[in-house]
Amino acid sequence: MNVGICKLSLVPVRREPSDRSEQVTQLVFGECYEVQQTQEKWLQVRIASDDYLGWIDAKQHFPVSDAYFQEWSAVEHPRSMDIVQTVSGGNQVIPIGLGSRLPFFDGINLRIGEEKMVYNGRATNPALPYRENFLQKMALLFMKAPYVWGGKSVFGIDCSGFVQQVYGLCGHSLLRDASQQVVHGQEVHFVSQTRPGDVAFFDNDEGRIIHVGIVLEDQQIIHASGEVRVDQLDHHGIYNRELKRYSHKLRIIKRILS
């Protein structure tokens, strides 16, 4: 099996094997993947955490052993809670962002393949049952992050990448796209019954789910639309006070935190 791990802060994953192809998602530091096929300088990869498929530049591939990959896949790893931090090892210092994975982190050291590295920032503990207050705190750290199609970082993120990263910080692995994330959780039938941390999905005129966000207190919603922002939510959808109109039409609300 040909497998690897992201050893850069971010690696773009593209729809087709071309620099001109759209970015559909990103690998963040510490995230493993399987190589499916090669085409010239490109590798088609399947991301281990969400089964997402796309192409990365072979120059950004960092191989690991099958044994490491299996060990990595068997457990949840801590995540960085700092907006920007570094990991260091040998003569290199690598910048990483909020939500990056810290494989086998013991409070000081982490392990990327056979290499030990040091991380001195704040990290989540996958053994803790993080609840609504922590989820809201993590979501608000992404405020003002610019919208970038396929992005998963505070320096550029899309709506479903935002939800996936926030829930990942709380120890919940979600699928990547909004249309996939809707399979998670139990339906909440009325906006008035929502709790902070519920996930709201929105569709277009054809009924296709195209947007997602996280419900906050007082029927507000935090979501990535132009930027990560907070708007009002009601049974119609998201009301943008600046535009004085609804920006997204509500389809369904799901509760993932039990």
Protein backbone atom coordinates (compact mmCIF):
# COMPACT_ATOMS: atom_id res chain seq x y z
CA MET A 1 0.00 0.00 0.00
CA ASN A 2 1.31 3.43 -0.99
CA VAL A 3 0.44 5.83 1.82
CA GLY A 4 1.55 9.24 3.05
CA ILE A 5 1.01 12.08 5.48
CA CYS A 6 0.77 15.83 5.07
CA LYS A 7 4.00 17.34 6.40
CA LEU A 8 3.22 20.90 5.29
CA SER A 9 0.81 23.38 6.82
CA LEU A 10 -1.60 22.79 3.93
CA VAL A 11 -1.59 20.85 0.66
CA PRO A 12 -4.20 21.66 -2.01
CA VAL A 13 -6.20 18.69 -3.29
CA ARG A 14 -7.49 19.24 -6.82
CA ARG A 15 -10.33 17.75 -8.82
CA GLU A 16 -8.08 16.89 -11.78
CA PRO A 17 -4.29 16.36 -12.11
CA SER A 18 -3.52 19.95 -13.10
CA ASP A 19 -2.44 23.16 -11.38
CA ARG A 20 -5.33 24.83 -13.20
CA SER A 21 -7.91 22.45 -11.78
CA GLU A 22 -10.15 23.63 -8.94
CA GLN A 23 -9.17 22.93 -5.37
CA VAL A 24 -11.82 20.62 -3.88
CA THR A 25 -10.30 20.25 -0.41
CA GLN A 26 -7.00 20.48 1.46
CA LEU A 27 -4.79 18.22 3.48
CA VAL A 28 -3.83 19.80 6.79
CA PHE A 29 -0.64 19.01 8.68
CA GLY A 30 -0.69 15.53 10.20
CA GLU A 31 -3.42 14.12 7.95
CA CYS A 32 -2.86 10.73 6.30
CA TYR A 33 -3.95 9.49 2.89
CA GLU A 34 -3.68 6.55 0.51
CA VAL A 35 -2.27 6.97 -3.01
CA GLN A 36 -4.69 5.53 -5.56
CA GLN A 37 -2.82 6.18 -8.81
CA THR A 38 -0.15 8.36 -10.39
CA GLN A 39 -0.23 10.52 -13.49
CA GLU A 40 2.98 12.33 -14.45
CA LYS A 41 3.75 14.64 -11.51
CA TRP A 42 0.38 14.04 -9.82
CA LEU A 43 -0.88 11.56 -7.23
CA GLN A 44 -4.52 10.72 -6.79
CA VAL A 45 -5.11 10.32 -3.05
CA ARG A 46 -7.93 9.20 -0.79
CA ILE A 47 -7.91 11.09 2.52
CA ALA A 48 -8.03 8.60 5.38
CA SER A 49 -10.29 10.60 7.67
CA ASP A 50 -13.18 11.25 5.26
CA ASP A 51 -12.52 9.13 2.13
CA TYR A 52 -12.32 12.26 -0.02
CA LEU A 53 -10.65 11.72 -3.39
CA GLY A 54 -8.48 14.20 -5.31
CA TRP A 55 -5.06 14.95 -6.78
CA ILE A 56 -1.96 16.37 -5.08
CA ASP A 57 1.40 17.44 -6.48
CA ALA A 58 3.87 14.56 -6.06
CA LYS A 59 6.44 17.03 -4.69
CA GLN A 60 4.17 17.52 -1.66
CA HIS A 61 3.89 13.78 -0.93
CA PHE A 62 5.58 12.50 2.24
CA PRO A 63 5.51 8.69 2.38
CA VAL A 64 4.98 6.68 5.56
CA SER A 65 4.99 2.95 6.25
CA ASP A 66 1.89 0.78 6.12
CA ALA A 67 2.35 0.08 9.84
CA TYR A 68 2.35 3.80 10.65
CA PHE A 69 -0.73 4.38 8.50
CA GLN A 70 -2.63 1.59 10.23
CA GLU A 71 -1.60 2.88 13.66
CA TRP A 72 -2.58 6.44 12.67
CA SER A 73 -5.98 5.30 11.39
CA ALA A 74 -6.82 3.37 14.55
CA VAL A 75 -7.01 6.38 16.92
CA GLU A 76 -8.18 9.99 17.10
CA HIS A 77 -5.29 12.43 17.36
CA PRO A 78 -5.06 15.74 19.23
CA ARG A 79 -5.54 18.90 17.18
CA SER A 80 -3.85 22.27 17.42
CA MET A 81 -5.98 24.86 19.22
CA ASP A 82 -3.74 27.79 18.29
CA ILE A 83 -4.58 29.92 15.26
CA VAL A 84 -0.90 29.76 14.24
CA GLN A 85 1.81 27.61 15.80
CA THR A 86 4.90 25.66 14.75
CA VAL A 87 6.24 22.15 15.01
CA SER A 88 9.97 21.58 14.95
CA GLY A 89 12.34 18.70 14.46
CA GLY A 90 15.94 18.41 13.35
CA ASN A 91 16.77 21.62 11.50
CA GLN A 92 13.23 22.41 10.33
CA VAL A 93 10.37 24.48 11.67
CA ILE A 94 6.95 23.95 10.07
CA PRO A 95 4.09 26.44 10.49
CA ILE A 96 0.74 24.87 11.25
CA GLY A 97 -2.73 26.28 11.82
CA LEU A 98 -5.82 25.79 13.94
CA GLY A 99 -7.22 22.27 13.55
CA SER A 100 -3.98 20.66 12.38
CA ARG A 101 -3.52 17.07 13.54
CA LEU A 102 -0.80 16.18 16.01
CA PRO A 103 -0.18 12.45 15.50
CA PHE A 104 0.63 10.53 18.70
CA PHE A 105 1.12 13.79 20.64
CA ASP A 106 2.13 13.20 24.26
CA GLY A 107 2.09 16.80 25.42
CA ILE A 108 5.50 17.63 23.97
CA ASN A 109 6.38 15.28 21.13
CA LEU A 110 4.50 14.05 18.10
CA ARG A 111 5.49 11.57 15.45
CA ILE A 112 5.40 12.02 11.67
CA GLY A 113 6.43 8.70 10.19
CA GLU A 114 9.65 7.74 11.94
CA GLU A 115 10.46 11.34 12.83
CA LYS A 116 9.84 12.87 16.25
CA MET A 117 8.85 16.52 16.31
CA VAL A 118 8.09 19.02 19.09
CA TYR A 119 4.92 21.08 19.51
CA ASN A 120 4.66 23.72 22.24
CA GLY A 121 1.15 25.04 21.66
CA ARG A 122 -2.31 24.23 22.94
CA ALA A 123 -3.91 20.97 21.85
CA THR A 124 -7.21 19.18 22.21
CA ASN A 125 -7.53 15.93 24.15
CA PRO A 126 -9.53 13.34 22.17
CA ALA A 127 -10.37 11.52 25.40
CA LEU A 128 -12.45 14.46 26.67
CA PRO A 129 -16.17 14.74 25.82
CA TYR A 130 -16.14 18.28 24.43
CA ARG A 131 -19.57 19.90 24.66
CA GLU A 132 -21.48 22.87 23.23
CA ASN A 133 -19.51 25.60 25.01
CA PHE A 134 -16.19 24.32 23.69
CA LEU A 135 -17.59 23.85 20.19
CA GLN A 136 -18.84 27.44 20.12
CA LYS A 137 -15.46 28.67 21.36
CA MET A 138 -13.65 26.80 18.59
CA ALA A 139 -16.10 28.00 15.95
CA LEU A 140 -15.62 31.63 16.94
CA LEU A 141 -11.84 31.30 16.52
CA PHE A 142 -12.52 31.07 12.77
CA MET A 143 -14.39 34.41 12.67
CA LYS A 144 -13.42 36.58 9.67
CA ALA A 145 -11.59 33.71 7.97
CA PRO A 146 -12.02 34.41 4.23
CA TYR A 147 -14.14 32.08 2.14
CA VAL A 148 -12.01 29.90 -0.15
CA TRP A 149 -13.51 27.04 -2.16
CA GLY A 150 -12.06 23.77 -0.84
CA GLY A 151 -10.33 25.51 2.09
CA LYS A 152 -9.93 24.08 5.60
CA SER A 153 -7.84 26.77 7.35
CA VAL A 154 -8.33 30.08 9.15
CA PHE A 155 -6.61 31.69 6.16
CA GLY A 156 -9.21 30.34 3.74
CA ILE A 157 -12.14 28.01 4.33
CA ASP A 158 -15.43 26.94 2.78
CA CYS A 159 -18.71 26.28 4.56
CA SER A 160 -18.39 22.51 4.91
CA GLY A 161 -14.66 22.69 5.63
CA PHE A 162 -15.49 25.04 8.49
CA VAL A 163 -18.06 22.64 9.98
CA GLN A 164 -15.74 19.67 9.49
CA GLN A 165 -12.82 21.42 11.20
CA VAL A 166 -14.85 22.70 14.15
CA TYR A 167 -16.35 19.28 14.81
CA GLY A 168 -12.93 17.69 14.32
CA LEU A 169 -11.58 19.89 17.11
CA CYS A 170 -14.32 18.40 19.29
CA GLY A 171 -13.37 14.83 18.40
CA HIS A 172 -16.10 14.18 15.81
CA SER A 173 -15.10 13.06 12.31
CA LEU A 174 -17.54 14.41 9.70
CA LEU A 175 -17.61 13.87 5.96
CA ARG A 176 -16.28 16.69 3.78
CA ASP A 177 -19.08 18.24 1.71
CA ALA A 178 -22.35 19.72 2.96
CA SER A 179 -24.35 17.22 0.89
CA GLN A 180 -22.43 14.41 2.64
CA GLN A 181 -22.51 15.89 6.16
CA VAL A 182 -26.31 15.83 6.20
CA VAL A 183 -26.19 12.06 6.90
CA HIS A 184 -24.76 12.75 10.38
CA GLY A 185 -26.90 13.21 13.48
CA GLN A 186 -30.63 13.30 14.27
CA GLU A 187 -33.13 15.74 12.79
CA VAL A 188 -34.28 18.76 14.79
CA HIS A 189 -37.74 19.64 13.50
CA PHE A 190 -38.05 23.30 14.51
CA VAL A 191 -35.60 26.19 14.72
CA SER A 192 -37.08 27.02 18.12
CA GLN A 193 -35.87 23.62 19.36
CA THR A 194 -32.25 24.07 18.29
CA ARG A 195 -29.32 23.98 20.67
CA PRO A 196 -25.84 25.46 20.19
CA GLY A 197 -23.80 23.06 18.09
CA ASP A 198 -26.67 21.87 15.91
CA VAL A 199 -25.85 21.88 12.20
CA ALA A 200 -28.18 23.60 9.70
CA PHE A 201 -28.25 22.71 6.00
CA PHE A 202 -29.51 24.85 3.14
CA ASP A 203 -30.55 23.99 -0.41
CA ASN A 204 -30.99 25.66 -3.79
CA ASP A 205 -34.08 25.85 -6.01
CA GLU A 206 -33.38 22.34 -7.32
CA GLY A 207 -33.38 20.95 -3.76
CA ARG A 208 -29.64 20.27 -3.70
CA ILE A 209 -27.87 20.98 -0.39
CA ILE A 210 -25.30 23.70 -1.09
CA HIS A 211 -24.53 25.30 2.29
CA VAL A 212 -24.07 24.43 5.95
CA GLY A 213 -23.44 26.23 9.23
CA ILE A 214 -23.38 25.76 13.00
CA VAL A 215 -26.18 27.03 15.23
CA LEU A 216 -25.23 29.30 18.14
CA GLU A 217 -27.27 30.67 21.04
CA ASP A 218 -30.32 32.91 20.42
CA GLN A 219 -31.03 31.31 17.01
CA GLN A 220 -27.87 32.68 15.47
CA ILE A 221 -25.71 30.76 13.02
CA ILE A 222 -21.99 30.89 12.28
CA HIS A 223 -21.08 29.97 8.72
CA ALA A 224 -18.61 30.68 5.90
CA SER A 225 -20.19 32.99 3.33
CA GLY A 226 -17.70 35.50 1.98
CA GLU A 227 -16.08 35.14 5.38
CA VAL A 228 -16.85 33.24 8.55
CA ARG A 229 -19.64 35.35 10.03
CA VAL A 230 -22.62 35.24 12.39
CA ASP A 231 -26.15 35.83 11.10
CA GLN A 232 -29.71 35.24 12.27
CA LEU A 233 -31.47 31.92 11.62
CA ASP A 234 -35.22 31.31 11.36
CA HIS A 235 -37.52 28.78 9.70
CA HIS A 236 -36.99 30.44 6.32
CA GLY A 237 -33.19 30.34 6.48
CA ILE A 238 -30.28 32.73 7.08
CA TYR A 239 -31.16 36.41 7.26
CA ASN A 240 -28.32 38.78 6.39
CA ARG A 241 -28.99 42.09 8.13
CA GLU A 242 -26.42 43.93 6.04
CA LEU A 243 -28.06 42.85 2.79
CA LYS A 244 -31.54 43.06 4.36
CA ARG A 245 -32.54 39.76 2.77
CA TYR A 246 -32.31 36.00 3.17
CA SER A 247 -29.06 34.61 1.79
CA HIS A 248 -29.75 30.87 2.20
CA LYS A 249 -32.94 28.74 2.28
CA LEU A 250 -33.21 26.31 5.20
CA ARG A 251 -33.57 22.61 4.32
CA ILE A 252 -32.93 20.64 7.53
CA ILE A 253 -31.26 20.87 10.96
CA LYS A 254 -29.32 17.96 12.48
CA ARG A 255 -28.08 17.37 16.03
CA ILE A 256 -24.67 15.69 16.14
CA LEU A 257 -23.77 16.35 19.78
CA SER A 258 -26.00 13.99 21.75
